[in-house]
Amino acid sequence: MTALLITIDTELSAALHQRGVGLEQNLRQSIWGETAAGAYGIGWQMDLMDRHGLKGVFFLDPLPALIHGPAFLQPIVAAIVGRGHEVQLHLHSEWLAWAKDSPIEGRQGRNIGDFSLADQITLLGLGRDLLERAGAPRISAFRAGNFGANDDTLRALAAIGIGWDSSVNPAYLGQGCGISMDAGQIGAVRAHGLVELPVSGIADRPGHFRPAQICAMSAAEMRAGMRHAALEGHDAFVIVTHSFEMLSRDRMRPNRTVMRRFEQLCRTAAAMPDIRPAGFHDLSSALADAPARTLTRVPPNRLRTGLRVAQQAWATWRYEHRLVPA
């Protein structure tokens, strides 16, 4: 049976902070997804998953605590854990630019992979401790902000006792993600002392990977990807979204197209007998020790891809054309 991991990168916006937006407004827009039409952030996402018996993995970035203090993390962690979902570690090192007391002597970088092994151990250990002190159960998995990890990130995670990573998104390999891994890797694999579980996806045209991200893949593509994974017996199908992904890019109004995709994902997954909801706490590292198998992704389908391109164009016109330039 294929484990379904619906992973939500849950983070404040460094761009909003840079523009002078305060903590409370950033929380409302980036975490809770509040708009004049309603709230469509992590609460809305959990409502849908709960309704369909699914589980979310919320990769939560604690690094803004260096600017705002750690107290803002507690209500977020409590909301997630209190509803039976999972909190894991996410980290956007951009926040170091505004840190009051830098844990690494003022050094800065856009991605965690920009830092030395020693600095990564410090940053990742700090992030883990902040989440656990905020009430999260033991942190066992990590995803890098911008997927910007490297091999030293995996070594650093292993050094602090975190056994899973999901920073490999084949769309980012060599383009921000510096982890040494083949883009064709689908299942769990041991690497540098831990288990890597890459983001899933499909081939939307010959030789091109499209990640299983809610805003990047149509409902038909997501359904095809999940069904293919279950049919081949993949260990897991890893989906990506964000706490703010149901909103327009300016975070002022809901994007109904993306919301419908999330709703359709939940309905489809709940009806698939060969898919089981899971978090990293539900997985065994023995998945990475199974005999090697030849696994594949959904092959391209020109009609399916064309329909998604048309849908994306319409959604951009409908929900983004009123954007104020950044």
Protein backbone atom coordinates (compact mmCIF):
# COMPACT_ATOMS: atom_id res chain seq x y z
CA MET A 1 0.00 0.00 0.00
CA THR A 2 1.31 3.43 -0.94
CA ALA A 3 1.68 6.01 1.83
CA LEU A 4 0.23 9.41 0.94
CA LEU A 5 2.09 12.32 2.51
CA ILE A 6 0.36 15.68 2.07
CA THR A 7 3.12 18.06 3.10
CA ILE A 8 2.44 21.74 3.79
CA ASP A 9 5.39 24.14 3.96
CA THR A 10 4.16 26.47 6.69
CA GLU A 11 6.00 29.76 6.86
CA LEU A 12 5.88 33.48 7.40
CA SER A 13 6.74 35.62 4.39
CA ALA A 14 10.23 37.12 4.45
CA ALA A 15 9.16 39.37 1.56
CA LEU A 16 6.27 40.81 3.59
CA HIS A 17 8.59 41.33 6.56
CA GLN A 18 11.07 43.16 4.35
CA ARG A 19 8.25 45.46 3.21
CA GLY A 20 7.49 46.37 6.82
CA VAL A 21 4.52 44.08 7.45
CA GLY A 22 4.27 43.22 11.15
CA LEU A 23 4.12 39.79 12.75
CA GLU A 24 0.35 39.65 13.31
CA GLN A 25 -0.53 40.61 9.74
CA ASN A 26 2.09 38.21 8.40
CA LEU A 27 0.58 35.42 10.48
CA ARG A 28 -2.93 36.24 9.26
CA GLN A 29 -1.92 36.26 5.62
CA SER A 30 0.78 33.59 5.50
CA ILE A 31 -0.31 30.97 8.06
CA TRP A 32 -4.05 31.38 8.64
CA GLY A 33 -4.78 32.63 5.10
CA GLU A 34 -7.23 35.31 6.20
CA THR A 35 -9.00 37.32 3.48
CA ALA A 36 -12.14 39.41 3.28
CA ALA A 37 -13.87 36.31 1.89
CA GLY A 38 -12.76 33.99 4.70
CA ALA A 39 -9.71 32.11 6.02
CA TYR A 40 -8.09 29.56 3.71
CA GLY A 41 -4.78 28.78 5.38
CA ILE A 42 -3.80 25.81 7.51
CA GLY A 43 -7.13 25.70 9.36
CA TRP A 44 -9.07 25.33 6.11
CA GLN A 45 -6.59 22.72 4.89
CA MET A 46 -6.97 20.71 8.09
CA ASP A 47 -10.76 20.96 7.88
CA LEU A 48 -10.67 19.30 4.45
CA MET A 49 -8.17 16.62 5.44
CA ASP A 50 -10.10 15.82 8.61
CA ARG A 51 -13.33 15.53 6.62
CA HIS A 52 -11.75 12.90 4.37
CA GLY A 53 -9.73 11.03 6.99
CA LEU A 54 -6.37 12.29 5.72
CA LYS A 55 -3.24 13.45 7.49
CA GLY A 56 -1.11 16.53 6.92
CA VAL A 57 2.60 17.00 7.53
CA PHE A 58 3.22 20.66 8.34
CA PHE A 59 6.85 21.61 7.75
CA LEU A 60 6.95 24.67 10.00
CA ASP A 61 9.69 27.31 9.79
CA PRO A 62 10.71 28.49 13.29
CA LEU A 63 13.54 30.81 12.24
CA PRO A 64 11.44 34.04 12.45
CA ALA A 65 11.67 33.46 16.22
CA LEU A 66 15.09 35.09 15.95
CA ILE A 67 13.28 38.34 15.16
CA HIS A 68 9.86 38.02 16.78
CA GLY A 69 10.60 35.68 19.68
CA PRO A 70 9.40 32.06 19.93
CA ALA A 71 5.93 32.64 21.38
CA PHE A 72 4.26 32.94 17.95
CA LEU A 73 5.05 29.27 17.27
CA GLN A 74 2.97 27.87 20.12
CA PRO A 75 -0.55 28.55 18.73
CA ILE A 76 0.46 27.18 15.33
CA VAL A 77 1.93 24.00 16.78
CA ALA A 78 -1.03 23.56 19.13
CA ALA A 79 -3.53 23.92 16.27
CA ILE A 80 -1.75 21.29 14.16
CA VAL A 81 -0.92 18.74 16.86
CA GLY A 82 -4.29 19.17 18.55
CA ARG A 83 -6.03 17.92 15.42
CA GLY A 84 -3.79 14.89 14.96
CA HIS A 85 -1.57 16.22 12.21
CA GLU A 86 2.22 16.28 12.19
CA VAL A 87 4.73 19.10 12.72
CA GLN A 88 8.15 18.76 11.14
CA LEU A 89 11.06 21.15 10.56
CA HIS A 90 11.28 23.66 7.73
CA LEU A 91 13.86 26.43 7.53
CA HIS A 92 14.27 29.58 5.45
CA SER A 93 17.70 31.00 6.23
CA GLU A 94 16.74 34.39 4.68
CA TRP A 95 15.49 35.36 8.14
CA LEU A 96 19.07 35.54 9.42
CA ALA A 97 19.36 38.92 7.70
CA TRP A 98 17.15 40.42 10.45
CA ALA A 99 18.25 38.29 13.41
CA LYS A 100 18.76 40.25 16.60
CA ASP A 101 21.29 37.75 17.93
CA SER A 102 22.69 35.57 15.18
CA PRO A 103 23.43 32.00 16.23
CA ILE A 104 26.20 31.84 13.60
CA GLU A 105 28.02 35.15 14.13
CA GLY A 106 26.15 37.14 11.52
CA ARG A 107 26.74 34.88 8.54
CA GLN A 108 23.90 34.94 6.01
CA GLY A 109 22.68 32.98 3.01
CA ARG A 110 19.51 32.48 1.02
CA ASN A 111 19.49 28.70 1.46
CA ILE A 112 20.58 26.33 4.21
CA GLY A 113 22.98 24.75 1.72
CA ASP A 114 24.91 28.04 1.50
CA PHE A 115 26.37 27.43 4.95
CA SER A 116 29.19 25.28 6.30
CA LEU A 117 28.45 21.92 7.88
CA ALA A 118 29.08 23.37 11.35
CA ASP A 119 26.70 26.28 10.74
CA GLN A 120 24.05 23.95 9.39
CA ILE A 121 24.27 21.77 12.49
CA THR A 122 23.77 24.90 14.62
CA LEU A 123 20.82 26.21 12.59
CA LEU A 124 19.03 22.89 12.26
CA GLY A 125 19.52 22.07 15.93
CA LEU A 126 18.15 25.47 16.87
CA GLY A 127 15.13 24.99 14.62
CA ARG A 128 14.37 21.56 16.05
CA ASP A 129 14.65 22.85 19.61
CA LEU A 130 12.36 25.84 18.93
CA LEU A 131 9.62 23.58 17.56
CA GLU A 132 9.88 21.02 20.33
CA ARG A 133 9.84 23.74 23.00
CA ALA A 134 6.71 25.12 21.32
CA GLY A 135 4.98 21.78 21.92
CA ALA A 136 5.79 19.71 18.84
CA PRO A 137 6.43 16.00 19.37
CA ARG A 138 9.91 14.78 18.49
CA ILE A 139 11.02 16.23 15.16
CA SER A 140 12.00 13.45 12.77
CA ALA A 141 11.94 15.05 9.31
CA PHE A 142 13.12 18.18 7.51
CA ARG A 143 12.54 20.08 4.29
CA ALA A 144 14.74 22.96 3.22
CA GLY A 145 13.21 26.27 2.27
CA ASN A 146 13.46 26.77 -1.50
CA PHE A 147 14.52 23.08 -1.57
CA GLY A 148 17.96 24.65 -1.09
CA ALA A 149 19.75 21.85 0.75
CA ASN A 150 23.02 20.11 -0.08
CA ASP A 151 24.80 16.94 1.02
CA ASP A 152 26.09 18.68 4.15
CA THR A 153 22.47 19.38 5.10
CA LEU A 154 21.84 15.64 5.21
CA ARG A 155 25.01 15.11 7.24
CA ALA A 156 23.95 17.86 9.65
CA LEU A 157 20.48 16.36 10.07
CA ALA A 158 21.98 12.95 10.81
CA ALA A 159 24.35 14.55 13.33
CA ILE A 160 21.43 15.99 15.34
CA GLY A 161 19.33 12.83 15.14
CA ILE A 162 16.77 13.72 12.47
CA GLY A 163 16.26 10.59 10.38
CA TRP A 164 14.23 11.79 7.36
CA ASP A 165 14.65 14.47 4.74
CA SER A 166 12.32 15.54 1.92
CA SER A 167 14.35 18.34 0.35
CA VAL A 168 14.87 16.62 -3.00
CA ASN A 169 12.49 18.01 -5.59
CA PRO A 170 13.79 16.87 -8.99
CA ALA A 171 12.62 20.16 -10.51
CA TYR A 172 15.20 21.95 -8.33
CA LEU A 173 18.17 19.59 -8.62
CA GLY A 174 21.11 21.62 -9.86
CA GLN A 175 18.96 24.76 -9.58
CA GLY A 176 19.15 25.54 -5.89
CA CYS A 177 19.05 21.97 -4.58
CA GLY A 178 22.63 20.72 -4.27
CA ILE A 179 21.91 17.22 -2.96
CA SER A 180 23.72 14.56 -4.98
CA MET A 181 20.83 12.46 -6.20
CA ASP A 182 19.54 11.20 -9.51
CA ALA A 183 16.44 13.00 -10.74
CA GLY A 184 14.93 9.59 -11.46
CA GLN A 185 14.99 8.56 -7.79
CA ILE A 186 11.40 7.87 -6.72
CA GLY A 187 11.40 5.82 -3.54
CA ALA A 188 13.06 6.24 -0.16
CA VAL A 189 16.85 5.93 -0.23
CA ARG A 190 19.61 6.13 2.36
CA ALA A 191 21.95 9.09 1.96
CA HIS A 192 24.61 10.49 4.31
CA GLY A 193 23.21 8.86 7.43
CA LEU A 194 19.47 9.38 6.97
CA VAL A 195 16.60 8.47 4.65
CA GLU A 196 15.72 10.77 1.76
CA LEU A 197 12.13 10.72 0.52
CA PRO A 198 11.88 12.87 -2.63
CA VAL A 199 8.90 14.94 -3.69
CA SER A 200 6.73 12.99 -6.12
CA GLY A 201 5.62 14.05 -9.58
CA ILE A 202 4.86 13.09 -13.16
CA ALA A 203 6.35 13.55 -16.61
CA ASP A 204 4.20 16.23 -18.21
CA ARG A 205 6.22 16.23 -21.42
CA PRO A 206 9.10 14.04 -22.63
CA GLY A 207 12.09 14.37 -20.30
CA HIS A 208 10.42 16.95 -18.05
CA PHE A 209 9.47 16.45 -14.38
CA ARG A 210 6.48 18.25 -12.91
CA PRO A 211 6.27 18.13 -9.11
CA ALA A 212 3.16 17.03 -7.25
CA GLN A 213 2.43 20.53 -5.99
CA ILE A 214 -1.14 21.75 -5.71
CA CYS A 215 -0.52 25.00 -7.56
CA ALA A 216 1.57 23.29 -10.26
CA MET A 217 -0.49 20.24 -11.15
CA SER A 218 -4.10 19.88 -12.26
CA ALA A 219 -6.50 17.61 -10.40
CA ALA A 220 -6.36 15.18 -13.34
CA GLU A 221 -2.54 15.10 -13.23
CA MET A 222 -2.53 14.59 -9.47
CA ARG A 223 -5.08 11.79 -9.76
CA ALA A 224 -3.03 10.11 -12.50
CA GLY A 225 0.14 10.40 -10.42
CA MET A 226 -1.43 8.87 -7.32
CA ARG A 227 -3.07 6.05 -9.24
CA HIS A 228 0.17 5.21 -11.02
CA ALA A 229 2.11 5.20 -7.74
CA ALA A 230 -0.46 2.89 -6.13
CA LEU A 231 -0.54 0.58 -9.17
CA GLU A 232 3.26 0.21 -9.18
CA GLY A 233 3.36 -0.13 -5.40
CA HIS A 234 5.49 2.94 -4.67
CA ASP A 235 6.45 3.31 -1.01
CA ALA A 236 5.01 6.80 -0.89
CA PHE A 237 3.51 9.62 -2.90
CA VAL A 238 4.70 12.97 -1.54
CA ILE A 239 2.59 16.04 -2.32
CA VAL A 240 3.67 19.63 -1.67
CA THR A 241 1.64 22.72 -0.90
CA HIS A 242 2.07 25.82 1.28
CA SER A 243 0.12 27.39 4.10
CA PHE A 244 -0.75 30.34 1.81
CA GLU A 245 -1.14 28.45 -1.47
CA MET A 246 -4.93 28.70 -1.57
CA LEU A 247 -4.62 32.49 -1.96
CA SER A 248 -3.70 34.83 -4.80
CA ARG A 249 -0.04 35.77 -4.93
CA ASP A 250 -0.67 39.04 -3.09
CA ARG A 251 -2.48 36.99 -0.40
CA MET A 252 -5.54 39.23 -0.57
CA ARG A 253 -8.20 36.82 -1.89
CA PRO A 254 -8.81 33.09 -2.33
CA ASN A 255 -7.72 31.34 -5.51
CA ARG A 256 -10.72 29.10 -6.13
CA THR A 257 -8.93 27.08 -8.80
CA VAL A 258 -6.21 25.95 -6.38
CA MET A 259 -8.78 25.39 -3.64
CA ARG A 260 -10.78 23.10 -5.93
CA ARG A 261 -7.62 21.13 -6.68
CA PHE A 262 -7.04 20.57 -2.97
CA GLU A 263 -10.65 19.52 -2.49
CA GLN A 264 -10.43 17.10 -5.42
CA LEU A 265 -7.16 15.70 -4.10
CA CYS A 266 -8.77 14.94 -0.75
CA ARG A 267 -11.83 13.30 -2.31
CA THR A 268 -9.73 11.21 -4.69
CA ALA A 269 -7.27 10.07 -2.04
CA ALA A 270 -10.03 9.11 0.38
CA ALA A 271 -11.63 6.89 -2.26
CA MET A 272 -8.45 5.02 -3.22
CA PRO A 273 -8.15 1.68 -1.38
CA ASP A 274 -4.42 1.32 -2.13
CA ILE A 275 -3.52 4.71 -0.63
CA ARG A 276 -3.01 5.17 3.11
CA PRO A 277 -2.66 8.57 4.82
CA ALA A 278 0.67 8.93 6.58
CA GLY A 279 3.21 11.22 8.19
CA PHE A 280 6.90 10.60 8.74
CA HIS A 281 6.18 9.20 12.21
CA ASP A 282 4.17 6.46 10.47
CA LEU A 283 6.98 5.39 8.12
CA SER A 284 9.70 2.85 8.76
CA SER A 285 13.25 3.61 7.69
CA ALA A 286 13.32 0.01 6.46
CA LEU A 287 11.60 1.31 3.32
CA ALA A 288 15.04 2.42 2.18
CA ASP A 289 16.47 -1.08 2.65
CA ALA A 290 14.04 -2.93 0.39
CA PRO A 291 15.46 -4.64 -2.72
CA ALA A 292 15.95 -2.25 -5.62
CA ARG A 293 12.98 -2.01 -8.00
CA THR A 294 12.41 -0.22 -11.26
CA LEU A 295 9.84 2.47 -10.58
CA THR A 296 8.41 4.92 -13.07
CA ARG A 297 6.38 8.11 -13.18
CA VAL A 298 3.24 8.76 -15.17
CA PRO A 299 4.24 9.24 -18.82
CA PRO A 300 3.27 12.42 -20.70
CA ASN A 301 -0.26 12.89 -22.00
CA ARG A 302 -0.60 15.84 -24.36
CA LEU A 303 -4.30 16.36 -23.73
CA ARG A 304 -3.90 16.25 -19.95
CA THR A 305 -0.97 18.70 -20.07
CA GLY A 306 -2.75 21.02 -22.49
CA LEU A 307 -5.84 21.19 -20.31
CA ARG A 308 -3.72 22.12 -17.30
CA VAL A 309 -1.90 24.86 -19.24
CA ALA A 310 -5.26 26.31 -20.28
CA GLN A 311 -6.59 26.05 -16.74
CA GLN A 312 -3.50 27.80 -15.36
CA ALA A 313 -3.84 30.63 -17.86
CA TRP A 314 -7.49 31.16 -16.93
CA ALA A 315 -6.74 31.05 -13.19
CA THR A 316 -3.93 33.58 -13.57
CA TRP A 317 -6.26 35.95 -15.43
CA ARG A 318 -9.08 35.39 -12.95
CA TYR A 319 -7.21 35.62 -9.66
CA GLU A 320 -3.92 37.41 -10.33
CA HIS A 321 -4.64 40.19 -12.83
CA ARG A 322 -5.38 42.71 -10.06
CA LEU A 323 -2.04 42.18 -8.36
CA VAL A 324 -0.17 45.24 -7.12
CA PRO A 325 3.49 45.05 -8.30
CA ALA A 326 5.92 44.00 -5.55
